[in-house]
Amino acid sequence: MKYLIAITLVLLLLIVSFDLAAQCPMCKIAAESNLENGGTAGKGLNNGILYMLSLPYVLIGLIGFVWYKNRNKVEENIDETKTEAI
């Protein structure tokens, strides 16, 4: 049941995405002037910034997942050892 809730939450967050504008002031000015002249560099710049922003969260999430899985294995081994000792 926990896995179903987690998977549903992740899918919901992937489906519902908001168009965010994450730029420094200089980048924003350059992108706005490019868009006014008919260019598409601003959209690419926004996507690149959001991609770089998401990478640390993905890495921390993967490390946490691996840690959680290994912790469960260690606890199972400890429980088996205690059962065998009795």
N, C-alpha and C. Protein backbone atom coordinates (compact mmCIF):
# COMPACT_ATOMS: atom_id res chain seq x y z
N MET A 1 0.83 -1.20 0.00
CA MET A 1 0.00 0.00 0.00
C MET A 1 0.87 1.26 0.00
N LYS A 2 1.99 1.21 0.77
CA LYS A 2 2.89 2.38 0.81
C LYS A 2 3.49 2.65 -0.57
N TYR A 3 3.84 1.57 -1.26
CA TYR A 3 4.44 1.75 -2.58
C TYR A 3 3.45 2.33 -3.58
N LEU A 4 2.21 1.92 -3.48
CA LEU A 4 1.18 2.44 -4.37
C LEU A 4 0.98 3.94 -4.15
N ILE A 5 0.97 4.37 -2.91
CA ILE A 5 0.82 5.79 -2.59
C ILE A 5 2.03 6.57 -3.11
N ALA A 6 3.22 6.03 -2.89
CA ALA A 6 4.44 6.72 -3.35
C ALA A 6 4.48 6.83 -4.86
N ILE A 7 4.15 5.75 -5.55
CA ILE A 7 4.16 5.78 -7.02
C ILE A 7 3.11 6.75 -7.55
N THR A 8 1.93 6.74 -6.94
CA THR A 8 0.87 7.66 -7.35
C THR A 8 1.30 9.11 -7.16
N LEU A 9 1.94 9.40 -6.02
CA LEU A 9 2.41 10.75 -5.75
C LEU A 9 3.46 11.20 -6.77
N VAL A 10 4.40 10.33 -7.08
CA VAL A 10 5.44 10.66 -8.06
C VAL A 10 4.82 10.91 -9.43
N LEU A 11 3.92 10.04 -9.86
CA LEU A 11 3.27 10.22 -11.16
C LEU A 11 2.45 11.50 -11.20
N LEU A 12 1.78 11.80 -10.13
CA LEU A 12 1.00 13.04 -10.07
C LEU A 12 1.90 14.26 -10.18
N LEU A 13 3.03 14.23 -9.49
CA LEU A 13 3.96 15.36 -9.57
C LEU A 13 4.59 15.50 -10.95
N LEU A 14 4.80 14.38 -11.64
CA LEU A 14 5.35 14.44 -12.99
C LEU A 14 4.32 14.95 -14.00
N ILE A 15 3.07 14.58 -13.79
CA ILE A 15 2.02 15.00 -14.72
C ILE A 15 1.68 16.47 -14.53
N VAL A 16 1.56 16.91 -13.29
CA VAL A 16 1.19 18.29 -12.99
C VAL A 16 2.48 19.09 -12.84
N SER A 17 2.86 19.75 -13.89
CA SER A 17 4.06 20.59 -13.82
C SER A 17 3.67 22.03 -14.14
N PHE A 18 4.34 22.91 -13.50
CA PHE A 18 4.07 24.33 -13.68
C PHE A 18 5.19 24.96 -14.48
N ASP A 19 4.84 25.94 -15.29
CA ASP A 19 5.84 26.66 -16.07
C ASP A 19 6.49 27.69 -15.16
N LEU A 20 7.71 27.42 -14.73
CA LEU A 20 8.40 28.29 -13.79
C LEU A 20 9.43 29.14 -14.53
N ALA A 21 9.68 30.31 -14.02
CA ALA A 21 10.69 31.20 -14.57
C ALA A 21 11.79 31.36 -13.53
N ALA A 22 12.87 30.61 -13.70
CA ALA A 22 13.96 30.64 -12.73
C ALA A 22 15.21 31.19 -13.43
N GLN A 23 15.41 32.49 -13.32
CA GLN A 23 16.53 33.12 -14.00
C GLN A 23 17.11 34.24 -13.13
N CYS A 24 18.39 34.47 -13.35
CA CYS A 24 19.01 35.64 -12.73
C CYS A 24 18.58 36.88 -13.53
N PRO A 25 18.73 38.09 -12.98
CA PRO A 25 18.28 39.30 -13.70
C PRO A 25 18.95 39.49 -15.07
N MET A 26 20.24 39.22 -15.15
CA MET A 26 20.93 39.41 -16.44
C MET A 26 20.43 38.41 -17.48
N CYS A 27 20.24 37.17 -17.06
CA CYS A 27 19.74 36.16 -17.99
C CYS A 27 18.32 36.50 -18.42
N LYS A 28 17.53 37.01 -17.48
CA LYS A 28 16.15 37.36 -17.78
C LYS A 28 16.08 38.47 -18.84
N ILE A 29 16.93 39.48 -18.70
CA ILE A 29 16.94 40.58 -19.67
C ILE A 29 17.35 40.07 -21.05
N ALA A 30 18.38 39.22 -21.08
CA ALA A 30 18.84 38.69 -22.37
C ALA A 30 17.76 37.81 -23.00
N ALA A 31 17.10 36.99 -22.21
CA ALA A 31 16.06 36.11 -22.74
C ALA A 31 14.86 36.90 -23.22
N GLU A 32 14.46 37.94 -22.47
CA GLU A 32 13.30 38.75 -22.87
C GLU A 32 13.58 39.49 -24.17
N SER A 33 14.79 40.01 -24.32
CA SER A 33 15.10 40.72 -25.57
C SER A 33 15.13 39.74 -26.74
N ASN A 34 15.59 38.53 -26.49
CA ASN A 34 15.61 37.52 -27.54
C ASN A 34 14.19 37.14 -27.93
N LEU A 35 13.31 36.97 -26.94
CA LEU A 35 11.92 36.60 -27.23
C LEU A 35 11.19 37.71 -27.97
N GLU A 36 11.49 38.98 -27.63
CA GLU A 36 10.86 40.10 -28.32
C GLU A 36 11.24 40.14 -29.78
N ASN A 37 12.44 39.65 -30.10
CA ASN A 37 12.91 39.64 -31.48
C ASN A 37 12.55 38.35 -32.21
N GLY A 38 11.71 37.51 -31.59
CA GLY A 38 11.25 36.29 -32.26
C GLY A 38 12.08 35.06 -31.97
N GLY A 39 13.04 35.13 -31.08
CA GLY A 39 13.88 33.98 -30.76
C GLY A 39 13.23 33.07 -29.74
N THR A 40 13.84 31.91 -29.54
CA THR A 40 13.32 30.94 -28.56
C THR A 40 14.37 30.59 -27.51
N ALA A 41 15.38 31.41 -27.37
CA ALA A 41 16.46 31.11 -26.42
C ALA A 41 15.97 31.16 -24.98
N GLY A 42 14.99 31.98 -24.69
CA GLY A 42 14.48 32.10 -23.33
C GLY A 42 13.86 30.81 -22.81
N LYS A 43 13.11 30.13 -23.66
CA LYS A 43 12.49 28.87 -23.25
C LYS A 43 13.55 27.81 -22.98
N GLY A 44 14.55 27.76 -23.82
CA GLY A 44 15.64 26.80 -23.62
C GLY A 44 16.43 27.11 -22.36
N LEU A 45 16.63 28.38 -22.09
CA LEU A 45 17.35 28.80 -20.89
C LEU A 45 16.57 28.40 -19.64
N ASN A 46 15.27 28.61 -19.63
CA ASN A 46 14.43 28.20 -18.50
C ASN A 46 14.50 26.69 -18.29
N ASN A 47 14.38 25.93 -19.36
CA ASN A 47 14.44 24.47 -19.24
C ASN A 47 15.79 24.00 -18.72
N GLY A 48 16.86 24.62 -19.16
CA GLY A 48 18.19 24.25 -18.69
C GLY A 48 18.38 24.53 -17.21
N ILE A 49 17.88 25.67 -16.76
CA ILE A 49 18.00 26.03 -15.35
C ILE A 49 17.19 25.06 -14.49
N LEU A 50 15.99 24.73 -14.90
CA LEU A 50 15.16 23.80 -14.14
C LEU A 50 15.77 22.40 -14.12
N TYR A 51 16.39 22.00 -15.22
CA TYR A 51 17.07 20.70 -15.28
C TYR A 51 18.22 20.66 -14.28
N MET A 52 19.03 21.70 -14.26
CA MET A 52 20.16 21.74 -13.32
C MET A 52 19.68 21.82 -11.88
N LEU A 53 18.55 22.46 -11.65
CA LEU A 53 18.00 22.58 -10.30
C LEU A 53 17.46 21.24 -9.80
N SER A 54 16.93 20.43 -10.69
CA SER A 54 16.33 19.16 -10.27
C SER A 54 17.36 18.06 -10.01
N LEU A 55 18.52 18.14 -10.60
CA LEU A 55 19.52 17.08 -10.47
C LEU A 55 19.94 16.81 -9.03
N PRO A 56 20.24 17.82 -8.20
CA PRO A 56 20.61 17.51 -6.81
C PRO A 56 19.49 16.79 -6.04
N TYR A 57 18.24 17.15 -6.31
CA TYR A 57 17.13 16.48 -5.63
C TYR A 57 17.02 15.02 -6.04
N VAL A 58 17.25 14.74 -7.31
CA VAL A 58 17.21 13.36 -7.78
C VAL A 58 18.34 12.56 -7.14
N LEU A 59 19.53 13.13 -7.08
CA LEU A 59 20.67 12.42 -6.47
C LEU A 59 20.43 12.16 -4.99
N ILE A 60 19.94 13.14 -4.26
CA ILE A 60 19.66 12.94 -2.84
C ILE A 60 18.56 11.89 -2.66
N GLY A 61 17.56 11.91 -3.50
CA GLY A 61 16.51 10.90 -3.44
C GLY A 61 17.03 9.50 -3.69
N LEU A 62 17.93 9.34 -4.67
CA LEU A 62 18.51 8.03 -4.94
C LEU A 62 19.37 7.54 -3.78
N ILE A 63 20.16 8.43 -3.21
CA ILE A 63 20.99 8.06 -2.06
C ILE A 63 20.10 7.64 -0.89
N GLY A 64 19.04 8.39 -0.64
CA GLY A 64 18.11 8.04 0.43
C GLY A 64 17.43 6.70 0.19
N PHE A 65 17.06 6.41 -1.04
CA PHE A 65 16.42 5.14 -1.37
C PHE A 65 17.36 3.98 -1.15
N VAL A 66 18.60 4.11 -1.63
CA VAL A 66 19.60 3.04 -1.44
C VAL A 66 19.87 2.84 0.04
N TRP A 67 20.00 3.92 0.79
CA TRP A 67 20.22 3.82 2.24
C TRP A 67 19.07 3.10 2.91
N TYR A 68 17.83 3.45 2.55
CA TYR A 68 16.64 2.83 3.14
C TYR A 68 16.61 1.33 2.84
N LYS A 69 16.88 0.95 1.60
CA LYS A 69 16.87 -0.47 1.23
C LYS A 69 17.95 -1.23 1.99
N ASN A 70 19.16 -0.68 2.09
CA ASN A 70 20.24 -1.36 2.80
C ASN A 70 19.94 -1.44 4.29
N ARG A 71 19.32 -0.45 4.87
CA ARG A 71 18.97 -0.47 6.28
C ARG A 71 17.98 -1.58 6.58
N ASN A 72 17.01 -1.77 5.69
CA ASN A 72 16.04 -2.85 5.87
C ASN A 72 16.71 -4.21 5.81
N LYS A 73 17.68 -4.39 4.91
CA LYS A 73 18.39 -5.67 4.80
C LYS A 73 19.19 -5.94 6.07
N VAL A 74 19.83 -4.93 6.63
CA VAL A 74 20.60 -5.11 7.85
C VAL A 74 19.68 -5.49 9.01
N GLU A 75 18.53 -4.83 9.12
CA GLU A 75 17.58 -5.15 10.18
C GLU A 75 17.05 -6.57 10.03
N GLU A 76 16.80 -7.02 8.81
CA GLU A 76 16.34 -8.39 8.59
C GLU A 76 17.41 -9.39 9.01
N ASN A 77 18.67 -9.11 8.70
CA ASN A 77 19.76 -10.00 9.08
C ASN A 77 19.90 -10.06 10.60
N ILE A 78 19.73 -8.94 11.27
CA ILE A 78 19.82 -8.91 12.75
C ILE A 78 18.68 -9.74 13.34
N ASP A 79 17.46 -9.60 12.79
CA ASP A 79 16.32 -10.36 13.28
C ASP A 79 16.53 -11.86 13.07
N GLU A 80 17.10 -12.26 11.92
CA GLU A 80 17.37 -13.67 11.66
C GLU A 80 18.41 -14.22 12.63
N THR A 81 19.42 -13.44 12.93
CA THR A 81 20.46 -13.86 13.86
C THR A 81 19.89 -14.06 15.25
N LYS A 82 19.00 -13.17 15.68
CA LYS A 82 18.38 -13.29 17.00
C LYS A 82 17.49 -14.53 17.05
N THR A 83 16.77 -14.82 15.97
CA THR A 83 15.88 -15.98 15.90
C THR A 83 16.69 -17.27 15.98
N GLU A 84 17.82 -17.32 15.29
CA GLU A 84 18.67 -18.50 15.29
C GLU A 84 19.30 -18.72 16.66
N ALA A 85 19.61 -17.64 17.39
CA ALA A 85 20.22 -17.77 18.70
C ALA A 85 19.28 -18.36 19.73
N ILE A 86 17.99 -18.16 19.50
CA ILE A 86 16.98 -18.66 20.47
C ILE A 86 16.74 -20.08 20.16
